[in-house]
N, C-alpha and C. Protein backbone atom coordinates (compact mmCIF):
# COMPACT_ATOMS: atom_id res chain seq x y z
N UNK A 1 0.95 -0.94 0.01
CA UNK A 1 0.11 -0.11 -0.43
C UNK A 1 0.89 1.18 -0.39
N UNK A 2 -0.06 2.18 -0.48
CA UNK A 2 1.43 3.81 -0.68
C UNK A 2 1.12 4.19 0.20
N UNK A 3 1.78 4.78 1.37
CA UNK A 3 1.37 5.67 2.37
C UNK A 3 1.58 6.91 2.01
N UNK A 4 1.20 8.01 2.20
CA UNK A 4 0.88 9.13 1.74
C UNK A 4 2.08 10.44 1.47
N UNK A 5 3.16 9.37 2.55
CA UNK A 5 4.83 10.28 2.58
C UNK A 5 5.13 10.12 0.78
N UNK A 6 4.60 8.42 1.06
CA UNK A 6 5.81 7.82 -0.91
C UNK A 6 4.47 8.68 -1.43
N UNK A 7 3.67 8.80 -1.68
CA UNK A 7 2.28 9.49 -2.54
C UNK A 7 3.28 10.97 -2.57
N UNK A 8 3.54 11.48 -1.58
CA UNK A 8 4.16 12.90 -1.37
C UNK A 8 4.82 13.26 -1.98
N UNK A 9 5.85 11.84 -2.39
CA UNK A 9 7.13 12.08 -2.93
C UNK A 9 7.33 11.80 -4.52
N UNK A 10 6.22 11.35 -4.46
CA UNK A 10 5.44 10.40 -5.64
C UNK A 10 5.37 11.76 -6.48
N UNK A 11 4.31 12.41 -6.42
CA UNK A 11 3.54 13.49 -7.57
C UNK A 11 4.43 15.29 -6.99
N UNK A 12 5.37 15.39 -6.12
CA UNK A 12 6.33 16.76 -6.04
C UNK A 12 7.52 15.99 -6.87
N UNK A 13 8.02 14.69 -7.22
CA UNK A 13 8.46 14.70 -7.97
C UNK A 13 8.13 14.64 -9.52
N UNK A 14 6.80 14.06 -10.04
CA UNK A 14 6.04 14.23 -10.91
C UNK A 14 6.22 16.30 -11.43
N UNK A 15 5.52 16.80 -10.15
CA UNK A 15 5.42 18.32 -10.77
C UNK A 15 6.86 19.26 -10.69
N UNK A 16 7.38 18.75 -10.49
CA UNK A 16 9.00 19.59 -10.17
C UNK A 16 9.89 19.18 -12.11
N UNK A 17 8.38 17.61 -12.51
CA UNK A 17 9.76 17.88 -13.79
C UNK A 17 9.06 18.81 -14.99
N UNK A 18 7.25 18.47 -14.24
CA UNK A 18 6.65 19.77 -15.57
C UNK A 18 7.35 20.87 -15.01
N UNK A 19 7.32 21.41 -14.23
CA UNK A 19 7.61 22.84 -13.98
C UNK A 19 9.55 22.90 -14.16
N UNK A 20 10.18 21.93 -14.78
CA UNK A 20 11.26 22.33 -14.86
C UNK A 20 10.94 22.38 -16.56
N UNK A 21 10.18 21.52 -17.09
CA UNK A 21 10.00 21.52 -18.35
C UNK A 21 9.89 22.84 -19.04
N UNK A 22 9.10 24.33 -18.42
CA UNK A 22 8.70 24.90 -18.83
C UNK A 22 9.69 26.41 -17.86
N UNK A 23 10.53 26.00 -17.50
CA UNK A 23 12.04 26.58 -16.98
C UNK A 23 12.54 26.99 -17.57
N UNK A 24 13.80 27.79 -18.14
CA UNK A 24 14.60 27.35 -18.96
C UNK A 24 15.72 26.46 -19.00
N UNK A 25 16.31 25.90 -20.22
CA UNK A 25 17.01 24.57 -20.00
C UNK A 25 18.35 25.20 -20.24
N UNK A 26 18.78 26.18 -20.98
CA UNK A 26 19.32 26.51 -21.14
C UNK A 26 19.97 28.06 -22.40
N UNK A 27 21.36 28.42 -21.61
CA UNK A 27 21.08 29.80 -21.89
C UNK A 27 22.54 29.39 -23.16
N UNK A 28 22.18 31.09 -24.61
CA UNK A 28 22.63 30.67 -25.85
C UNK A 28 23.76 31.79 -25.73
N UNK A 29 24.63 31.73 -25.79
CA UNK A 29 26.18 32.74 -26.26
C UNK A 29 27.07 32.65 -27.11
N UNK A 30 26.97 33.94 -28.21
CA UNK A 30 27.09 33.77 -30.09
C UNK A 30 29.31 33.67 -29.11
N UNK A 31 29.52 32.51 -29.28
CA UNK A 31 30.86 32.44 -28.97
C UNK A 31 31.86 33.67 -29.86
N UNK A 32 31.71 33.65 -31.09
CA UNK A 32 32.47 34.07 -32.21
C UNK A 32 31.09 35.71 -32.87
N UNK A 33 31.57 36.73 -32.77
CA UNK A 33 30.16 37.33 -33.53
C UNK A 33 30.24 36.84 -35.02
N UNK A 34 31.40 36.92 -35.69
CA UNK A 34 31.38 36.58 -37.32
C UNK A 34 30.63 35.01 -37.58
N UNK A 35 29.35 34.61 -36.27
CA UNK A 35 29.22 33.88 -36.29
C UNK A 35 27.36 33.99 -37.37
N UNK A 36 27.45 35.53 -37.08
CA UNK A 36 26.46 36.53 -37.48
C UNK A 36 26.01 36.59 -38.95
N UNK A 37 27.36 36.50 -39.50
CA UNK A 37 27.71 36.54 -40.33
C UNK A 37 27.29 35.25 -41.94
N UNK A 38 27.25 34.39 -41.28
CA UNK A 38 27.27 32.60 -41.69
C UNK A 38 25.73 32.46 -42.43
N UNK A 39 24.40 32.94 -40.98
CA UNK A 39 23.70 33.01 -41.24
C UNK A 39 23.08 33.18 -43.27
N UNK A 40 22.44 32.72 -43.62
CA UNK A 40 22.18 32.99 -45.00
C UNK A 40 21.12 33.86 -44.69
N UNK A 41 21.14 34.83 -46.72
CA UNK A 41 20.33 36.07 -46.55
C UNK A 41 18.79 35.76 -46.44
N UNK A 42 18.54 34.68 -46.73
CA UNK A 42 16.97 33.14 -46.62
C UNK A 42 16.53 33.91 -45.39
N UNK A 43 17.50 32.94 -44.73
CA UNK A 43 17.66 32.59 -43.16
C UNK A 43 17.00 33.66 -42.42
N UNK A 44 18.16 35.49 -42.59
CA UNK A 44 17.78 36.43 -41.41
C UNK A 44 15.89 36.58 -41.73
N UNK A 45 15.92 36.56 -43.42
CA UNK A 45 14.21 37.29 -43.47
C UNK A 45 13.47 36.62 -43.21
N UNK A 46 13.86 35.18 -42.58
CA UNK A 46 12.98 34.56 -42.57
C UNK A 46 12.60 34.82 -40.94
N UNK A 47 13.53 34.68 -40.13
CA UNK A 47 13.81 35.11 -38.57
C UNK A 47 13.33 36.55 -37.97
N UNK A 48 13.40 36.92 -39.22
CA UNK A 48 12.95 38.55 -39.29
C UNK A 48 11.81 38.50 -39.71
N UNK A 49 11.13 37.76 -40.30
CA UNK A 49 9.50 38.05 -40.45
C UNK A 49 8.45 37.40 -38.57
N UNK A 50 9.76 36.29 -38.78
CA UNK A 50 8.87 35.79 -37.65
C UNK A 50 9.37 36.41 -36.09
N UNK A 51 10.02 37.93 -36.12
CA UNK A 51 10.28 38.75 -34.81
C UNK A 51 11.53 37.95 -34.17
N UNK A 52 12.47 36.81 -34.38
CA UNK A 52 13.03 36.51 -33.48
C UNK A 52 14.81 37.36 -34.14
N UNK A 53 14.81 38.42 -34.90
CA UNK A 53 15.55 38.45 -35.07
C UNK A 53 15.34 39.89 -35.23
N UNK A 54 16.14 41.36 -35.06
CA UNK A 54 15.26 42.35 -35.48
C UNK A 54 16.48 43.65 -35.80
N UNK A 55 16.25 43.45 -37.50
CA UNK A 55 17.61 44.35 -37.95
C UNK A 55 16.63 45.46 -38.36
N UNK A 56 17.43 46.39 -38.93
CA UNK A 56 17.04 47.64 -39.15
C UNK A 56 16.48 47.71 -40.99
N UNK A 57 15.71 49.21 -41.77
CA UNK A 57 15.79 48.64 -42.71
C UNK A 57 16.63 48.19 -43.50
N UNK A 58 16.76 48.26 -45.20
CA UNK A 58 17.32 48.16 -45.82
C UNK A 58 17.72 49.68 -46.00
N UNK A 59 19.50 49.07 -46.52
CA UNK A 59 19.55 50.72 -46.45
C UNK A 59 20.10 50.29 -48.14
N UNK A 60 20.86 51.58 -49.19
CA UNK A 60 20.49 51.18 -50.03
C UNK A 60 22.41 50.28 -50.93
N UNK A 61 22.02 49.55 -51.41
CA UNK A 61 23.56 48.64 -51.92
C UNK A 61 23.91 48.08 -50.28
N UNK A 62 23.97 48.14 -49.05
CA UNK A 62 23.83 48.08 -47.78
C UNK A 62 23.60 46.31 -47.95
N UNK A 63 22.32 45.96 -48.26
CA UNK A 63 21.84 45.01 -47.85
C UNK A 63 20.99 44.47 -45.85
N UNK A 64 21.38 43.40 -45.44
CA UNK A 64 21.09 43.74 -44.07
C UNK A 64 21.75 43.52 -43.64
N UNK A 65 21.34 45.01 -42.52
CA UNK A 65 22.61 44.72 -41.47
C UNK A 65 23.00 43.98 -40.36
N UNK A 66 24.50 44.09 -40.00
CA UNK A 66 24.54 42.61 -38.72
C UNK A 66 24.50 42.39 -38.00
N UNK A 67 23.68 41.46 -37.45
CA UNK A 67 23.64 41.57 -36.53
C UNK A 67 23.87 41.08 -35.37
N UNK A 68 23.88 41.65 -33.83
CA UNK A 68 24.81 41.61 -33.16
C UNK A 68 24.28 40.06 -32.12
N UNK A 69 24.68 40.40 -30.96
CA UNK A 69 24.38 39.25 -30.21
C UNK A 69 22.88 39.31 -29.36
N UNK A 70 23.03 40.38 -28.96
CA UNK A 70 21.92 41.57 -29.02
C UNK A 70 20.31 40.90 -29.18
N UNK A 71 20.76 40.54 -30.57
CA UNK A 71 19.51 39.98 -31.34
C UNK A 71 19.26 38.40 -31.41
N UNK A 72 19.88 37.40 -31.14
CA UNK A 72 19.78 36.47 -30.85
C UNK A 72 18.77 36.03 -29.80
N UNK A 73 17.96 34.71 -29.89
CA UNK A 73 17.16 34.39 -28.42
C UNK A 73 18.48 33.68 -27.58
N UNK A 74 18.26 34.78 -26.18
CA UNK A 74 18.97 33.30 -25.33
C UNK A 74 18.92 32.41 -24.55
N UNK A 75 17.80 32.41 -24.70
CA UNK A 75 17.61 30.52 -23.74
C UNK A 75 16.46 30.05 -24.25
N UNK A 76 15.86 28.80 -23.83
CA UNK A 76 15.08 27.71 -24.64
C UNK A 76 14.71 27.41 -23.70
N UNK A 77 13.85 26.70 -23.59
CA UNK A 77 13.17 25.26 -22.41
C UNK A 77 12.58 24.26 -23.00
N UNK A 78 12.39 23.76 -22.42
CA UNK A 78 11.80 22.08 -22.81
C UNK A 78 10.60 22.70 -23.98
N UNK A 79 9.84 22.68 -23.17
CA UNK A 79 8.77 22.85 -24.66
C UNK A 79 9.33 23.34 -26.02
N UNK A 80 9.68 24.83 -26.07
CA UNK A 80 10.16 25.24 -27.06
C UNK A 80 11.30 24.43 -28.20
N UNK A 81 11.59 23.75 -27.61
CA UNK A 81 13.31 22.36 -27.66
C UNK A 81 12.68 21.85 -29.43
N UNK A 82 11.19 21.63 -30.17
CA UNK A 82 10.71 20.82 -31.08
C UNK A 82 10.35 22.33 -31.89
N UNK A 83 9.51 23.32 -31.17
CA UNK A 83 9.08 24.23 -32.29
C UNK A 83 10.11 24.88 -32.60
N UNK A 84 11.36 24.89 -31.90
CA UNK A 84 12.40 25.87 -33.12
C UNK A 84 13.36 25.34 -33.92
N UNK A 85 13.24 23.80 -33.44
CA UNK A 85 13.93 23.15 -34.30
C UNK A 85 12.99 22.98 -35.58
N UNK A 86 12.01 22.65 -35.63
CA UNK A 86 11.02 22.58 -36.95
C UNK A 86 10.73 23.47 -37.48
N UNK A 87 11.05 24.94 -36.87
CA UNK A 87 11.10 26.29 -38.07
C UNK A 87 11.83 26.53 -38.09
N UNK A 88 13.27 25.68 -38.23
CA UNK A 88 14.84 25.54 -38.75
C UNK A 88 15.74 26.84 -37.60
N UNK A 89 15.05 27.30 -36.87
CA UNK A 89 15.87 27.43 -36.42
C UNK A 89 16.92 27.45 -35.62
N UNK A 90 17.50 26.64 -35.93
CA UNK A 90 18.43 25.34 -35.76
C UNK A 90 19.79 25.59 -35.45
N UNK A 91 20.50 26.68 -35.16
CA UNK A 91 21.70 27.66 -34.43
C UNK A 91 21.55 27.24 -32.95
N UNK A 92 20.43 28.04 -32.63
CA UNK A 92 20.72 27.41 -31.15
C UNK A 92 20.10 26.53 -30.87
N UNK A 93 19.36 25.75 -31.63
CA UNK A 93 19.09 24.41 -30.84
C UNK A 93 20.09 23.12 -30.94
N UNK A 94 20.88 23.18 -31.86
CA UNK A 94 21.85 22.21 -32.18
C UNK A 94 22.75 22.76 -31.46
N UNK A 95 23.47 23.19 -30.63
CA UNK A 95 24.23 23.57 -29.50
C UNK A 95 23.45 22.24 -28.65
N UNK A 96 22.20 22.99 -28.33
CA UNK A 96 21.66 22.24 -26.81
C UNK A 96 21.48 20.43 -27.32
N UNK A 97 20.84 20.07 -28.41
CA UNK A 97 21.04 18.66 -28.83
C UNK A 97 21.90 17.99 -29.39
N UNK A 98 23.16 19.23 -29.26
CA UNK A 98 24.18 18.31 -29.60
C UNK A 98 25.27 17.57 -28.01
N UNK A 99 24.35 18.56 -26.91
CA UNK A 99 25.27 17.88 -25.83
C UNK A 99 24.85 16.19 -25.97
N UNK A 100 23.53 15.54 -26.60
CA UNK A 100 22.77 14.36 -26.20
C UNK A 100 23.44 13.50 -27.52
N UNK A 101 23.54 13.90 -29.12
CA UNK A 101 23.43 13.03 -29.86
C UNK A 101 24.50 14.06 -30.43
N UNK A 102 25.73 13.12 -31.10
CA UNK A 102 26.73 13.09 -32.67
C UNK A 102 25.97 13.49 -33.73
N UNK A 103 24.88 12.24 -33.71
CA UNK A 103 24.21 13.22 -35.15
C UNK A 103 22.67 13.85 -35.49
N UNK A 104 23.34 15.15 -36.22
CA UNK A 104 22.41 15.74 -36.28
C UNK A 104 21.86 15.52 -37.38
N UNK A 105 21.63 14.53 -38.02
CA UNK A 105 20.13 14.35 -39.23
C UNK A 105 18.95 14.16 -38.58
N UNK A 106 17.68 14.30 -38.89
CA UNK A 106 16.34 14.55 -38.40
C UNK A 106 16.30 14.82 -37.42
N UNK A 107 17.01 16.50 -37.74
CA UNK A 107 17.22 17.14 -36.34
C UNK A 107 15.66 17.19 -35.61
N UNK A 108 15.07 17.97 -36.35
CA UNK A 108 13.65 18.79 -36.17
C UNK A 108 12.71 17.26 -35.34
N UNK A 109 12.81 16.05 -36.71
CA UNK A 109 12.19 14.65 -35.77
C UNK A 109 12.58 14.18 -34.01
N UNK A 110 14.01 14.31 -33.99
CA UNK A 110 14.32 14.18 -32.78
C UNK A 110 14.31 15.00 -31.56
N UNK A 111 14.34 16.42 -32.26
CA UNK A 111 13.99 17.12 -31.29
C UNK A 111 12.43 17.04 -30.34
N UNK A 112 11.62 15.85 -30.62
CA UNK A 112 10.11 15.03 -29.94
C UNK A 112 10.17 14.61 -28.93
N UNK A 113 11.98 14.20 -29.18
CA UNK A 113 11.71 13.59 -27.98
C UNK A 113 12.27 13.81 -26.42
N UNK A 114 11.72 14.65 -26.57
CA UNK A 114 12.18 15.54 -25.50
C UNK A 114 11.02 15.43 -24.90
N UNK A 115 9.98 15.31 -24.90
CA UNK A 115 8.51 15.36 -24.66
C UNK A 115 7.95 14.48 -23.91
N UNK A 116 8.90 13.46 -24.34
CA UNK A 116 9.32 12.37 -23.57
C UNK A 116 9.21 12.42 -21.85
N UNK A 117 10.31 12.94 -21.70
CA UNK A 117 10.30 13.91 -20.18
C UNK A 117 9.28 13.74 -19.39
N UNK A 118 8.46 14.72 -19.63
CA UNK A 118 7.61 15.21 -18.34
C UNK A 118 6.55 13.81 -18.87
N UNK A 119 5.96 13.12 -20.22
CA UNK A 119 5.48 11.68 -20.27
C UNK A 119 5.42 10.55 -19.40
N UNK A 120 6.84 10.21 -19.71
CA UNK A 120 7.35 9.74 -18.92
C UNK A 120 7.13 9.99 -17.62
N UNK A 121 6.91 10.96 -16.98
CA UNK A 121 7.14 11.01 -15.45
C UNK A 121 5.87 10.64 -15.00
N UNK A 122 4.97 11.12 -15.64
CA UNK A 122 3.43 11.36 -15.26
C UNK A 122 3.54 9.87 -14.80
N UNK A 123 3.56 9.12 -16.60
CA UNK A 123 3.34 7.64 -16.13
C UNK A 123 3.68 6.60 -15.32
N UNK A 124 5.01 6.88 -14.93
CA UNK A 124 6.02 6.31 -13.67
C UNK A 124 5.22 7.06 -12.04
N UNK A 125 4.55 8.34 -12.69
CA UNK A 125 4.33 9.07 -11.51
C UNK A 125 2.84 7.75 -10.73
N UNK A 126 2.06 8.07 -12.19
CA UNK A 126 0.68 7.63 -11.37
C UNK A 126 0.92 5.64 -11.67
N UNK A 127 1.33 5.06 -11.69
CA UNK A 127 1.81 3.43 -11.33
C UNK A 127 2.02 3.45 -10.55
N UNK A 128 3.21 4.56 -9.97
CA UNK A 128 3.77 3.96 -8.63
C UNK A 128 2.38 4.31 -7.13
N UNK A 129 1.85 5.68 -8.03
CA UNK A 129 0.66 5.49 -6.64
C UNK A 129 -0.51 5.46 -7.26
N UNK A 130 -0.32 4.18 -7.55
CA UNK A 130 -1.45 3.24 -7.55
C UNK A 130 -1.80 2.32 -6.42
N UNK A 131 -0.87 2.25 -6.31
CA UNK A 131 -0.29 1.25 -5.53
C UNK A 131 0.03 -0.57 -5.37
N UNK A 132 -0.93 -0.35 -6.91
CA UNK A 132 -0.81 -1.73 -7.42
C UNK A 132 0.54 -2.28 -8.28
N UNK A 133 1.50 -1.54 -8.58
CA UNK A 133 3.00 -2.11 -9.40
C UNK A 133 3.32 -3.42 -8.51
N UNK A 134 3.51 -4.25 -9.31
CA UNK A 134 4.19 -4.99 -8.42
C UNK A 134 6.10 -4.42 -8.60
N UNK A 135 6.09 -6.12 -7.26
CA UNK A 135 7.81 -5.82 -7.32
C UNK A 135 8.50 -5.33 -8.61
N UNK A 136 8.86 -6.29 -9.13
CA UNK A 136 9.46 -5.97 -10.49
C UNK A 136 8.75 -4.84 -11.48
N UNK A 137 8.01 -4.41 -11.45
CA UNK A 137 7.59 -3.33 -12.26
C UNK A 137 8.29 -2.41 -11.16
N UNK A 138 8.20 -1.71 -10.59
CA UNK A 138 8.75 -0.65 -9.59
C UNK A 138 9.86 -0.42 -9.48
N UNK A 139 10.95 -1.91 -9.88
CA UNK A 139 12.11 -2.11 -9.70
C UNK A 139 12.87 -1.29 -10.90
N UNK A 140 11.99 -1.96 -12.36
CA UNK A 140 12.14 -1.06 -13.78
C UNK A 140 12.17 0.05 -13.59
N UNK A 141 10.50 1.01 -13.32
CA UNK A 141 11.30 2.01 -13.39
C UNK A 141 11.89 2.79 -12.19
N UNK A 142 12.43 2.19 -10.98
CA UNK A 142 13.64 2.23 -10.44
C UNK A 142 14.66 2.74 -11.31
N UNK A 143 15.14 1.89 -12.33
CA UNK A 143 15.87 1.21 -13.10
C UNK A 143 15.99 2.38 -14.53
N UNK A 144 15.10 2.92 -14.67
CA UNK A 144 14.80 3.56 -15.83
C UNK A 144 15.02 4.83 -15.39
N UNK A 145 14.84 5.53 -14.40
CA UNK A 145 14.54 6.72 -13.89
C UNK A 145 16.16 7.29 -13.71
N UNK A 146 16.48 6.17 -12.36
CA UNK A 146 17.97 5.95 -12.46
C UNK A 146 19.04 6.40 -13.84
N UNK A 147 18.04 5.59 -14.65
CA UNK A 147 19.21 5.91 -15.57
C UNK A 147 19.42 7.20 -16.69
N UNK A 148 18.02 7.63 -16.61
CA UNK A 148 17.74 8.93 -16.91
C UNK A 148 19.36 10.12 -16.46
N UNK A 149 18.39 10.20 -15.07
CA UNK A 149 19.70 11.00 -14.39
C UNK A 149 21.34 10.62 -14.57
N UNK A 150 21.74 9.13 -14.41
CA UNK A 150 23.04 8.64 -14.93
C UNK A 150 23.44 9.93 -16.12
N UNK A 151 22.12 9.44 -16.85
CA UNK A 151 22.72 9.31 -18.67
C UNK A 151 22.82 10.98 -18.67
N UNK A 152 21.60 11.84 -18.52
CA UNK A 152 21.25 12.73 -18.95
C UNK A 152 23.06 14.25 -17.45
N UNK A 153 23.47 13.19 -16.31
CA UNK A 153 23.82 14.49 -15.84
C UNK A 153 24.92 13.77 -16.39
N UNK A 154 25.66 12.56 -16.94
CA UNK A 154 27.26 12.29 -17.89
C UNK A 154 27.15 13.64 -18.37
N UNK A 155 26.17 13.40 -19.05
CA UNK A 155 26.34 14.05 -20.81
C UNK A 155 26.52 15.64 -20.77
N UNK A 156 25.29 16.06 -19.79
CA UNK A 156 25.99 17.84 -19.33
C UNK A 156 26.99 18.37 -18.00
N UNK A 157 27.56 17.54 -17.56
CA UNK A 157 29.04 17.38 -16.90
C UNK A 157 30.21 17.05 -17.25
N UNK A 158 29.89 16.25 -18.86
CA UNK A 158 31.36 16.06 -19.19
C UNK A 158 31.81 16.70 -21.14
N UNK A 159 30.74 17.38 -21.32
CA UNK A 159 30.20 18.57 -22.50
C UNK A 159 31.32 19.75 -22.75
N UNK A 160 31.98 19.51 -23.88
CA UNK A 160 32.81 20.08 -23.99
C UNK A 160 32.98 21.27 -24.97
N UNK A 161 32.27 22.61 -24.59
CA UNK A 161 31.10 23.71 -25.62
C UNK A 161 32.72 24.27 -26.61
N UNK A 162 34.35 24.01 -26.17
CA UNK A 162 34.99 24.96 -27.25
C UNK A 162 35.70 24.72 -28.52
N UNK A 163 34.49 24.03 -29.07
CA UNK A 163 35.00 23.95 -30.67
C UNK A 163 33.11 24.25 -31.30
N UNK A 164 32.35 24.99 -30.00
CA UNK A 164 31.59 25.32 -31.12
C UNK A 164 30.99 27.25 -31.29
N UNK A 165 30.70 27.24 -31.73
CA UNK A 165 30.74 28.91 -32.07
C UNK A 165 29.64 29.04 -30.74
N UNK A 166 28.64 28.09 -29.76
CA UNK A 166 27.57 28.66 -29.55
C UNK A 166 27.98 27.99 -27.82
N UNK A 167 28.28 28.81 -27.23
CA UNK A 167 27.98 28.47 -25.97
C UNK A 167 26.84 28.17 -24.95
N UNK A 168 26.96 27.03 -25.00
CA UNK A 168 24.96 26.92 -23.96
C UNK A 168 25.52 26.32 -22.69
N UNK A 169 25.02 28.06 -21.64
CA UNK A 169 24.87 27.52 -20.24
C UNK A 169 23.70 26.79 -20.08
N UNK A 170 23.70 25.02 -18.98
CA UNK A 170 23.01 25.08 -18.92
C UNK A 170 21.76 25.45 -17.31
N UNK A 171 20.39 24.82 -17.65
CA UNK A 171 20.26 26.78 -16.56
C UNK A 171 19.60 25.50 -16.00
N UNK A 172 18.49 25.60 -14.77
CA UNK A 172 17.46 25.59 -13.27
C UNK A 172 17.15 24.34 -14.66
N UNK A 173 16.12 24.88 -15.12
CA UNK A 173 14.62 23.90 -15.61
C UNK A 173 15.37 21.81 -16.28
N UNK A 174 16.83 21.88 -16.32
CA UNK A 174 17.25 20.65 -17.06
C UNK A 174 17.88 19.99 -15.74
N UNK A 175 18.50 21.26 -15.41
CA UNK A 175 18.87 20.17 -13.51
C UNK A 175 17.59 20.32 -12.27
N UNK A 176 16.62 20.19 -12.83
CA UNK A 176 15.34 20.59 -11.54
C UNK A 176 14.67 19.32 -12.11
N UNK A 177 14.64 19.05 -13.04
CA UNK A 177 13.94 17.71 -14.49
C UNK A 177 14.98 16.66 -14.46
N UNK A 178 16.13 16.05 -13.48
CA UNK A 178 16.26 15.44 -13.47
C UNK A 178 16.78 15.05 -11.74
N UNK A 179 16.63 16.25 -11.47
CA UNK A 179 16.63 15.73 -9.69
C UNK A 179 15.12 15.66 -9.39
N UNK A 180 14.37 15.65 -10.54
CA UNK A 180 12.98 14.56 -10.38
C UNK A 180 13.01 13.23 -10.02
N UNK A 181 13.41 13.24 -11.31
CA UNK A 181 13.85 11.85 -11.44
C UNK A 181 14.52 11.33 -10.71
N UNK A 182 15.49 11.84 -10.05
CA UNK A 182 16.32 10.98 -8.76
C UNK A 182 14.95 10.58 -7.77
N UNK A 183 13.70 11.49 -7.82
CA UNK A 183 12.52 11.56 -6.02
C UNK A 183 11.81 10.25 -6.87
N UNK A 184 11.71 10.28 -8.38
CA UNK A 184 10.60 9.25 -8.61
C UNK A 184 11.48 7.71 -8.78
N UNK A 185 13.20 7.67 -8.95
CA UNK A 185 13.74 6.33 -9.21
C UNK A 185 13.86 6.44 -7.40
N UNK A 186 13.72 7.70 -7.26
CA UNK A 186 13.53 7.05 -4.94
C UNK A 186 12.48 5.84 -4.44
N UNK A 187 11.54 6.59 -5.15
CA UNK A 187 9.72 6.20 -4.82
C UNK A 187 9.48 5.18 -5.14
N UNK A 188 10.39 4.58 -6.46
CA UNK A 188 10.18 3.34 -6.84
C UNK A 188 10.92 2.46 -6.38
N UNK A 189 12.35 2.46 -5.53
CA UNK A 189 12.91 1.62 -5.35
C UNK A 189 12.42 1.30 -3.97
N UNK A 190 11.88 2.67 -2.95
CA UNK A 190 10.96 2.19 -1.72
C UNK A 190 9.71 1.43 -2.52
N UNK A 191 9.19 1.30 -3.09
CA UNK A 191 8.16 0.66 -3.17
C UNK A 191 8.66 -0.67 -4.03
N UNK A 192 9.95 -1.18 -4.40
CA UNK A 192 10.66 -1.50 -4.51
C UNK A 192 10.58 -2.64 -3.72
N UNK A 193 10.98 -2.60 -2.44
CA UNK A 193 11.43 -2.63 -0.92
C UNK A 193 10.74 -3.14 0.02
N UNK A 194 9.46 -2.17 0.15
CA UNK A 194 8.93 -2.68 0.93
C UNK A 194 7.95 -3.71 0.04
N UNK A 195 7.50 -3.74 -1.20
CA UNK A 195 7.09 -5.07 -1.28
C UNK A 195 7.55 -6.67 -1.20
N UNK A 196 8.98 -6.32 -0.70
CA UNK A 196 10.00 -7.69 -0.78
C UNK A 196 9.48 -7.82 0.94
N UNK A 197 9.08 -6.48 1.16
CA UNK A 197 8.95 -7.23 2.82
C UNK A 197 7.64 -7.89 4.07
């Protein structure tokens, strides 16, 4: 049977994952001002029309004025990752996704994987809180949550951004989500132990 304290841990962890999903995951800064010159004129027009970049009007014979660091969206949360990636505003998102995968193919499709973070937390939380989770099922949930925490923490702590044009600064939202999965792993392991006794 699930105790009130146990249920509190479960739902606090699930809530923390959801809150972290909408908090900033990363702040992105341009390392090299020349980065902005690498944007194609087509992308510049596209981004400007969507209000992401604000440049001055065309001047005779000068084309678009150079962008500055202040013109770039400086942070992204989990909810925004697929939207930005699938609008092909990928310079910002690539730097974040590159922390977790070396292969940048189909980046728009891969970006939707981030939605599994809150979805899986909600599913695991509901199964654990039901009190009907079998012992091996609880152990499986504990293992999955622990694997997410260890993989995420390893990637974030060992990243080397020196070769990138963009410096990715990990923010509280991503760390909060990982910490919440620690809570879910602990709750699942507690369920496993309690059913063993």
